[in-house]
Amino acid sequence: MTRQRTSGNLTLALLAACTFAGRAQGAGVPLDEIRQVLREQALRAPAESVLQDLDAANLASGLQAIDPAARYFPRALYRSPNRGRDSMSGIGAELLPSGDDLWLLPFLGGAAAAAGLTERARLRTIDGRSVAGLSLDEIAQRLRGPEGTRVVLGVEDAAGDTWRLTIQRRSFHPLDVELVQPGGQPVLRVREFAAGLTRPALLATLDFIAEGASRSKHQSIILDLRDATGGDLFEALDIAALFLPEGAPLATLVARGGVTQTIRAPAGADLEQPLILLIGPGTASAAEILAGILRDHGRARLVGQTTYGKCDSQTEVRLSDGSVLRFTNRAVRLPSGEHCSGVGIVPDLAVDTATLNDLSRLVPRASGALVAP
């Protein structure tokens, strides 16, 4: 089965888009191939006049006018979504623009976490200079640097406390599933769905928790999807199937012309513990599809805020020069028949933004409001 990617245009994708757009200009982009692929394979056939208006100088904006999820990746800048997260070097945190704020989301095992930043925080200054008025690209440039060099960040946590962190940039390998334990309650954080990696990492983490504590099948599992911006659609479906009986409908994929394919849960683990999903505006694509599936089956309690709103899947086509075109080729309908694009998934329990951004406050609210399926 062909793997399908879903992705939200959030966090580092915003920074990457600036880079890709700049590199594409005047770089011999195979425009005729791009037009032909979209003409034949896009979920909705673009108008011919719009296809002909594409050129190297306006490629990023032109593609997004056709399909908001469409991206062009020059060969040197392409990273396969099915490889999982490669080793990284730097401060060990993602950037998440949200309104007037810019949040740092630290990775477990990264330099920021080693310096004491274990939860999300607003980025206020870099080496003493305010980030106000700086573009995302300028901020990213200031955060980057050779391994072993230092940067001083001024941050403000969700509670409003401010402090300075001295971070020594270093390499690390992000985990496919992060285990955090605010107040001693295990929480499994998923940031991206990587083909063949996230599901086994989730199961391994659950086994680790079970070995280290006397947990019963009646104790809840908390999945933190607040920063999960997409990834491999079928990996998300495989995870949904862990919590559902064999044969349960997971999703219906709708291709051009209304051709449909319904995916059902195979025989599997059928985990019985009560399940809580933490969601918010940063929860996108594959993550909100997962949330919607489990909600429709009454299998999970959703806590947080309404998700991003993009229930579609993308595919990738490698062009003759080695570059890659990503575009939407299927809509995804949840078991209820709902298509969440433009709407999002609404939580069962809504919380304010301050609580959503503070895991130590969010987890007790979620646990206290749990209604076992």
Protein backbone atom coordinates (compact mmCIF):
# COMPACT_ATOMS: atom_id res chain seq x y z
CA MET A 1 0.00 0.00 0.00
CA THR A 2 1.35 3.43 -0.94
CA ARG A 3 2.16 5.53 2.06
CA GLN A 4 0.44 8.90 2.16
CA ARG A 5 1.67 11.96 3.96
CA THR A 6 -0.45 14.52 5.72
CA SER A 7 1.22 17.68 6.95
CA GLY A 8 0.31 20.94 8.60
CA ASN A 9 2.03 24.17 7.50
CA LEU A 10 3.18 24.91 11.06
CA THR A 11 6.34 25.07 13.19
CA LEU A 12 9.56 24.56 11.23
CA ALA A 13 7.63 24.08 8.01
CA LEU A 14 7.08 27.85 8.04
CA LEU A 15 10.82 28.44 8.20
CA ALA A 16 11.52 25.83 5.57
CA ALA A 17 9.04 27.35 3.16
CA CYS A 18 10.99 30.61 3.12
CA THR A 19 14.19 28.74 2.29
CA PHE A 20 12.65 26.58 -0.42
CA ALA A 21 11.00 29.53 -2.10
CA GLY A 22 14.26 31.46 -2.23
CA ARG A 23 16.28 28.55 -3.58
CA ALA A 24 13.72 27.79 -6.32
CA GLN A 25 14.02 31.14 -8.05
CA GLY A 26 15.91 30.91 -11.31
CA ALA A 27 17.08 27.38 -10.51
CA GLY A 28 15.88 25.56 -13.64
CA VAL A 29 12.66 24.26 -12.07
CA PRO A 30 10.97 21.56 -14.25
CA LEU A 31 7.75 23.56 -14.63
CA ASP A 32 6.28 21.47 -17.46
CA GLU A 33 6.56 18.32 -15.35
CA ILE A 34 4.98 20.07 -12.36
CA ARG A 35 2.07 21.23 -14.52
CA GLN A 36 1.54 17.75 -15.94
CA VAL A 37 1.61 16.02 -12.55
CA LEU A 38 -0.95 18.42 -11.11
CA ARG A 39 -3.05 18.24 -14.26
CA GLU A 40 -3.28 14.44 -14.03
CA GLN A 41 -3.04 13.59 -10.32
CA ALA A 42 -4.15 16.46 -8.06
CA LEU A 43 -7.33 15.88 -6.06
CA ARG A 44 -8.96 18.77 -7.89
CA ALA A 45 -7.80 19.49 -11.44
CA PRO A 46 -6.38 23.05 -11.55
CA ALA A 47 -7.52 25.49 -14.22
CA GLU A 48 -5.16 25.44 -17.18
CA SER A 49 -4.68 29.20 -16.96
CA VAL A 50 -3.47 28.84 -13.36
CA LEU A 51 -1.03 26.09 -14.33
CA GLN A 52 0.40 28.22 -17.11
CA ASP A 53 0.94 31.12 -14.71
CA LEU A 54 3.39 29.06 -12.64
CA ASP A 55 7.00 30.15 -12.98
CA ALA A 56 10.19 29.75 -10.97
CA ALA A 57 9.92 33.19 -9.39
CA ASN A 58 6.44 32.67 -7.93
CA LEU A 59 6.44 28.89 -7.55
CA ALA A 60 5.76 28.69 -3.81
CA SER A 61 2.83 31.12 -3.88
CA GLY A 62 1.58 29.75 -7.20
CA LEU A 63 1.46 26.18 -5.91
CA GLN A 64 -0.32 27.21 -2.73
CA ALA A 65 -2.94 29.08 -4.77
CA ILE A 66 -3.66 25.72 -6.44
CA ASP A 67 -3.33 23.60 -3.30
CA PRO A 68 -2.46 25.09 0.14
CA ALA A 69 -0.52 21.92 1.00
CA ALA A 70 1.51 21.79 -2.21
CA ARG A 71 5.28 22.19 -1.88
CA TYR A 72 8.25 22.00 -4.23
CA PHE A 73 11.55 20.68 -2.84
CA PRO A 74 14.82 21.10 -4.77
CA ARG A 75 16.77 17.86 -4.71
CA ALA A 76 19.38 19.10 -2.22
CA LEU A 77 16.73 20.21 0.28
CA TYR A 78 14.37 17.25 0.16
CA ARG A 79 13.89 15.12 3.27
CA SER A 80 11.72 12.03 2.99
CA PRO A 81 8.86 12.06 5.52
CA ASN A 82 9.17 8.27 5.85
CA ARG A 83 12.69 8.32 7.29
CA GLY A 84 11.64 9.54 10.71
CA ARG A 85 13.62 12.27 12.37
CA ASP A 86 17.29 12.37 11.46
CA SER A 87 19.98 13.39 13.90
CA MET A 88 19.88 17.15 14.40
CA SER A 89 22.38 19.70 15.55
CA GLY A 90 21.48 22.94 17.25
CA ILE A 91 19.49 24.17 20.24
CA GLY A 92 17.20 21.11 20.26
CA ALA A 93 13.85 22.86 19.92
CA GLU A 94 11.21 23.60 17.29
CA LEU A 95 9.66 27.00 16.72
CA LEU A 96 5.89 27.50 16.80
CA PRO A 97 4.46 30.90 15.80
CA SER A 98 1.16 31.54 17.60
CA GLY A 99 -0.43 34.95 17.29
CA ASP A 100 2.10 37.53 18.44
CA ASP A 101 4.17 34.91 20.27
CA LEU A 102 6.90 32.56 19.17
CA TRP A 103 7.09 29.38 21.23
CA LEU A 104 10.07 27.10 21.69
CA LEU A 105 9.16 23.40 21.86
CA PRO A 106 12.15 21.52 23.33
CA PHE A 107 13.03 17.94 22.35
CA LEU A 108 13.87 15.47 25.08
CA GLY A 109 17.60 14.84 24.91
CA GLY A 110 18.32 18.08 23.08
CA ALA A 111 20.51 20.99 24.16
CA ALA A 112 17.61 23.15 25.34
CA ALA A 113 16.31 20.38 27.60
CA ALA A 114 19.82 19.84 28.98
CA ALA A 115 19.94 23.56 29.81
CA GLY A 116 16.70 23.31 31.79
CA LEU A 117 13.99 24.02 29.22
CA THR A 118 11.79 20.92 29.53
CA GLU A 119 8.45 22.41 28.46
CA ARG A 120 7.30 24.93 25.89
CA ALA A 121 8.16 28.58 26.50
CA ARG A 122 7.85 31.89 24.66
CA LEU A 123 11.06 33.08 23.03
CA ARG A 124 11.71 36.71 24.00
CA THR A 125 15.39 37.43 23.30
CA ILE A 126 18.40 35.91 21.53
CA ASP A 127 21.80 37.00 22.87
CA GLY A 128 20.16 39.96 24.52
CA ARG A 129 18.25 41.16 21.44
CA SER A 130 14.45 41.10 21.39
CA VAL A 131 12.90 38.89 18.72
CA ALA A 132 10.09 41.42 18.26
CA GLY A 133 10.11 42.70 14.70
CA LEU A 134 12.40 39.95 13.41
CA SER A 135 11.22 37.63 10.63
CA LEU A 136 11.09 33.88 11.20
CA ASP A 137 14.05 33.46 8.88
CA GLU A 138 16.09 36.05 10.83
CA ILE A 139 15.24 34.32 14.11
CA ALA A 140 16.21 30.92 12.70
CA GLN A 141 19.54 32.31 11.49
CA ARG A 142 20.29 33.66 14.97
CA LEU A 143 19.42 30.34 16.60
CA ARG A 144 21.60 28.32 14.23
CA GLY A 145 25.31 27.93 14.77
CA PRO A 146 28.18 25.42 14.76
CA GLU A 147 28.07 22.56 17.23
CA GLY A 148 29.73 23.52 20.50
CA THR A 149 28.92 27.23 20.23
CA ARG A 150 26.65 28.94 22.74
CA VAL A 151 23.57 31.12 22.54
CA VAL A 152 21.76 32.91 25.37
CA LEU A 153 17.97 32.88 25.16
CA GLY A 154 15.48 34.88 27.15
CA VAL A 155 12.30 32.85 27.60
CA GLU A 156 8.95 33.11 29.36
CA ASP A 157 7.06 30.01 30.44
CA ALA A 158 3.31 29.46 30.27
CA ALA A 159 2.93 30.78 33.83
CA GLY A 160 4.62 34.07 32.90
CA ASP A 161 7.94 33.49 34.67
CA THR A 162 10.98 34.72 32.74
CA TRP A 163 14.61 33.63 32.81
CA ARG A 164 17.73 33.34 30.69
CA LEU A 165 19.16 30.09 29.34
CA THR A 166 22.67 29.52 28.08
CA ILE A 167 22.47 26.72 25.53
CA GLN A 168 25.46 24.98 24.02
CA ARG A 169 24.52 23.75 20.56
CA ARG A 170 25.04 20.03 20.05
CA SER A 171 23.80 17.08 18.03
CA PHE A 172 21.04 14.76 19.23
CA HIS A 173 18.56 12.26 17.85
CA PRO A 174 14.89 13.15 18.47
CA LEU A 175 12.72 10.35 19.83
CA ASP A 176 9.75 9.10 17.81
CA VAL A 177 7.69 9.16 21.03
CA GLU A 178 8.70 11.28 24.03
CA LEU A 179 7.78 10.23 27.57
CA VAL A 180 7.22 13.17 29.90
CA GLN A 181 5.81 12.91 33.42
CA PRO A 182 4.35 16.14 34.82
CA GLY A 183 3.36 15.48 38.41
CA GLY A 184 4.31 11.84 38.00
CA GLN A 185 1.60 11.17 35.36
CA PRO A 186 3.12 9.55 32.24
CA VAL A 187 2.31 11.43 29.04
CA LEU A 188 3.34 10.15 25.60
CA ARG A 189 4.13 13.00 23.22
CA VAL A 190 3.96 12.45 19.46
CA ARG A 191 5.19 15.25 17.19
CA GLU A 192 5.15 13.48 13.82
CA PHE A 193 3.94 10.18 12.38
CA ALA A 194 6.87 8.42 10.70
CA ALA A 195 6.15 5.31 8.61
CA GLY A 196 7.02 2.12 10.46
CA LEU A 197 8.51 4.00 13.43
CA THR A 198 5.91 5.82 15.52
CA ARG A 199 3.58 2.86 16.20
CA PRO A 200 6.33 0.53 17.50
CA ALA A 201 7.85 3.40 19.50
CA LEU A 202 4.46 4.04 21.10
CA LEU A 203 4.04 0.36 22.01
CA ALA A 204 7.60 0.18 23.37
CA THR A 205 6.99 3.25 25.53
CA LEU A 206 3.76 1.77 26.90
CA ASP A 207 5.65 -1.44 27.74
CA PHE A 208 8.35 0.61 29.49
CA ILE A 209 5.73 2.40 31.59
CA ALA A 210 4.06 -0.88 32.48
CA GLU A 211 7.36 -2.39 33.61
CA GLY A 212 8.19 0.55 35.83
CA ALA A 213 4.87 0.87 37.63
CA SER A 214 1.90 -1.16 38.70
CA ARG A 215 -0.48 -0.01 35.96
CA SER A 216 -3.70 -1.83 35.24
CA LYS A 217 -5.81 -1.96 32.11
CA HIS A 218 -8.12 0.58 33.79
CA GLN A 219 -5.43 3.28 34.14
CA SER A 220 -5.51 5.91 31.44
CA ILE A 221 -3.11 6.53 28.56
CA ILE A 222 -2.49 10.20 27.76
CA LEU A 223 -1.27 11.05 24.26
CA ASP A 224 -0.02 14.61 23.75
CA LEU A 225 -0.81 15.62 20.15
CA ARG A 226 -0.68 19.39 20.70
CA ASP A 227 2.43 19.73 18.51
CA ALA A 228 1.78 16.85 16.08
CA THR A 229 1.64 18.55 12.68
CA GLY A 230 1.24 15.52 10.43
CA GLY A 231 3.33 12.83 8.82
CA ASP A 232 2.46 9.44 7.40
CA LEU A 233 -1.30 8.92 7.22
CA PHE A 234 -1.18 5.12 7.41
CA GLU A 235 1.04 5.25 10.49
CA ALA A 236 -1.66 7.31 12.19
CA LEU A 237 -4.31 4.82 11.04
CA ASP A 238 -2.21 1.94 12.39
CA ILE A 239 -2.03 3.69 15.76
CA ALA A 240 -5.80 4.24 15.79
CA ALA A 241 -6.24 0.51 15.13
CA LEU A 242 -4.33 -0.31 18.33
CA PHE A 243 -7.29 0.95 20.34
CA LEU A 244 -10.13 -0.48 18.22
CA PRO A 245 -11.51 -3.96 17.49
CA GLU A 246 -10.77 -5.78 14.25
CA GLY A 247 -12.90 -4.53 11.38
CA ALA A 248 -13.69 -1.12 12.86
CA PRO A 249 -13.79 1.54 10.11
CA LEU A 250 -10.85 3.93 10.36
CA ALA A 251 -11.23 6.28 7.41
CA THR A 252 -12.48 6.56 3.86
CA LEU A 253 -10.02 7.97 1.31
CA VAL A 254 -11.65 9.96 -1.48
CA ALA A 255 -9.64 10.40 -4.69
CA ARG A 256 -10.32 12.47 -7.80
CA GLY A 257 -13.68 11.67 -9.32
CA GLY A 258 -15.10 10.49 -6.01
CA VAL A 259 -13.33 7.12 -6.05
CA THR A 260 -13.34 5.84 -2.47
CA GLN A 261 -11.40 3.32 -0.38
CA THR A 262 -12.42 2.45 3.17
CA ILE A 263 -9.66 1.38 5.58
CA ARG A 264 -10.57 -0.90 8.49
CA ALA A 265 -8.68 -1.94 11.61
CA PRO A 266 -6.77 -5.22 11.27
CA ALA A 267 -6.42 -7.69 14.10
CA GLY A 268 -4.00 -6.24 16.62
CA ALA A 269 -3.36 -5.13 20.16
CA ASP A 270 -6.84 -3.67 20.87
CA LEU A 271 -5.52 -1.81 23.93
CA GLU A 272 -8.23 -1.45 26.57
CA GLN A 273 -6.99 1.38 28.80
CA PRO A 274 -9.03 4.61 28.90
CA LEU A 275 -7.49 7.06 26.47
CA ILE A 276 -7.05 10.84 26.64
CA LEU A 277 -5.81 12.90 23.69
CA LEU A 278 -4.43 16.41 24.26
CA ILE A 279 -5.16 18.51 21.15
CA GLY A 280 -4.95 22.13 20.04
CA PRO A 281 -4.52 24.44 17.03
CA GLY A 282 -1.09 22.87 16.39
CA THR A 283 -2.68 19.41 15.99
CA ALA A 284 -2.90 18.93 12.24
CA SER A 285 -3.54 16.45 9.46
CA ALA A 286 -2.66 12.87 10.46
CA ALA A 287 -2.88 13.81 14.14
CA GLU A 288 -6.36 15.29 13.91
CA ILE A 289 -7.47 12.36 11.74
CA LEU A 290 -6.31 10.05 14.55
CA ALA A 291 -8.20 12.16 17.08
CA GLY A 292 -11.33 12.18 14.94
CA ILE A 293 -11.30 8.39 14.46
CA LEU A 294 -11.00 7.66 18.16
CA ARG A 295 -13.62 10.28 19.00
CA ASP A 296 -16.09 8.85 16.47
CA HIS A 297 -15.74 5.40 18.03
CA GLY A 298 -16.17 6.81 21.55
CA ARG A 299 -12.73 5.45 22.34
CA ALA A 300 -10.96 8.60 23.55
CA ARG A 301 -11.64 11.76 25.49
CA LEU A 302 -10.32 14.84 23.64
CA VAL A 303 -9.07 17.72 25.79
CA GLY A 304 -7.70 21.08 24.66
CA GLN A 305 -8.75 23.30 21.76
CA THR A 306 -10.06 22.83 18.22
CA THR A 307 -7.46 21.36 15.86
CA TYR A 308 -5.95 22.96 12.75
CA GLY A 309 -8.51 21.65 10.23
CA LYS A 310 -6.93 19.69 7.36
CA CYS A 311 -8.20 16.16 6.79
CA ASP A 312 -6.44 15.50 3.50
CA SER A 313 -3.47 13.39 2.45
CA GLN A 314 -0.58 14.26 0.19
CA THR A 315 1.58 12.22 -2.09
CA GLU A 316 5.04 12.98 -3.48
CA VAL A 317 6.34 12.67 -7.02
CA ARG A 318 10.05 12.73 -7.77
CA LEU A 319 10.74 14.79 -10.90
CA SER A 320 13.36 14.12 -13.57
CA ASP A 321 15.99 16.38 -11.96
CA GLY A 322 15.62 14.69 -8.56
CA SER A 323 13.44 17.42 -7.07
CA VAL A 324 10.13 16.49 -5.42
CA LEU A 325 6.60 17.82 -5.75
CA ARG A 326 4.22 17.24 -2.83
CA PHE A 327 0.50 17.82 -3.40
CA THR A 328 -2.94 16.75 -2.17
CA ASN A 329 -4.33 13.66 -3.87
CA ARG A 330 -6.99 12.42 -1.44
CA ALA A 331 -9.52 13.77 1.01
CA VAL A 332 -9.95 11.78 4.21
CA ARG A 333 -13.37 11.19 5.72
CA LEU A 334 -13.69 10.02 9.31
CA PRO A 335 -15.85 7.05 10.35
CA SER A 336 -18.78 9.45 10.90
CA GLY A 337 -18.43 10.67 7.31
CA GLU A 338 -17.06 14.02 8.49
CA HIS A 339 -14.28 15.78 6.55
CA CYS A 340 -12.53 18.05 9.04
CA SER A 341 -10.73 20.35 6.58
CA GLY A 342 -11.58 23.96 7.33
CA VAL A 343 -13.38 22.92 10.50
CA GLY A 344 -11.02 20.94 12.72
CA ILE A 345 -11.80 18.50 15.50
CA VAL A 346 -13.59 20.02 18.51
CA PRO A 347 -12.47 18.75 21.96
CA ASP A 348 -14.84 17.13 24.43
CA LEU A 349 -13.37 19.38 27.11
CA ALA A 350 -12.21 22.84 26.04
CA VAL A 351 -9.54 24.71 28.02
CA ASP A 352 -8.18 28.23 27.84
CA THR A 353 -4.92 28.97 26.05
CA ALA A 354 -2.91 29.40 29.26
CA THR A 355 -3.93 25.92 30.39
CA LEU A 356 -3.31 24.42 26.94
CA ASN A 357 0.27 25.71 26.99
CA ASP A 358 1.02 24.48 30.52
CA LEU A 359 1.19 20.69 30.68
CA SER A 360 1.34 20.71 34.50
CA ARG A 361 -2.12 22.34 34.52
CA LEU A 362 -3.52 20.59 31.45
CA VAL A 363 -2.93 17.00 32.57
CA PRO A 364 -4.87 17.27 35.88
CA ARG A 365 -7.77 18.90 34.02
CA ALA A 366 -7.76 16.12 31.45
CA SER A 367 -7.46 13.33 34.02
CA GLY A 368 -10.19 14.78 36.22
CA ALA A 369 -12.62 15.07 33.33
CA LEU A 370 -12.02 11.58 31.92
CA VAL A 371 -15.12 9.59 31.14
CA ALA A 372 -14.02 6.02 30.44
CA PRO A 373 -15.26 4.80 27.03
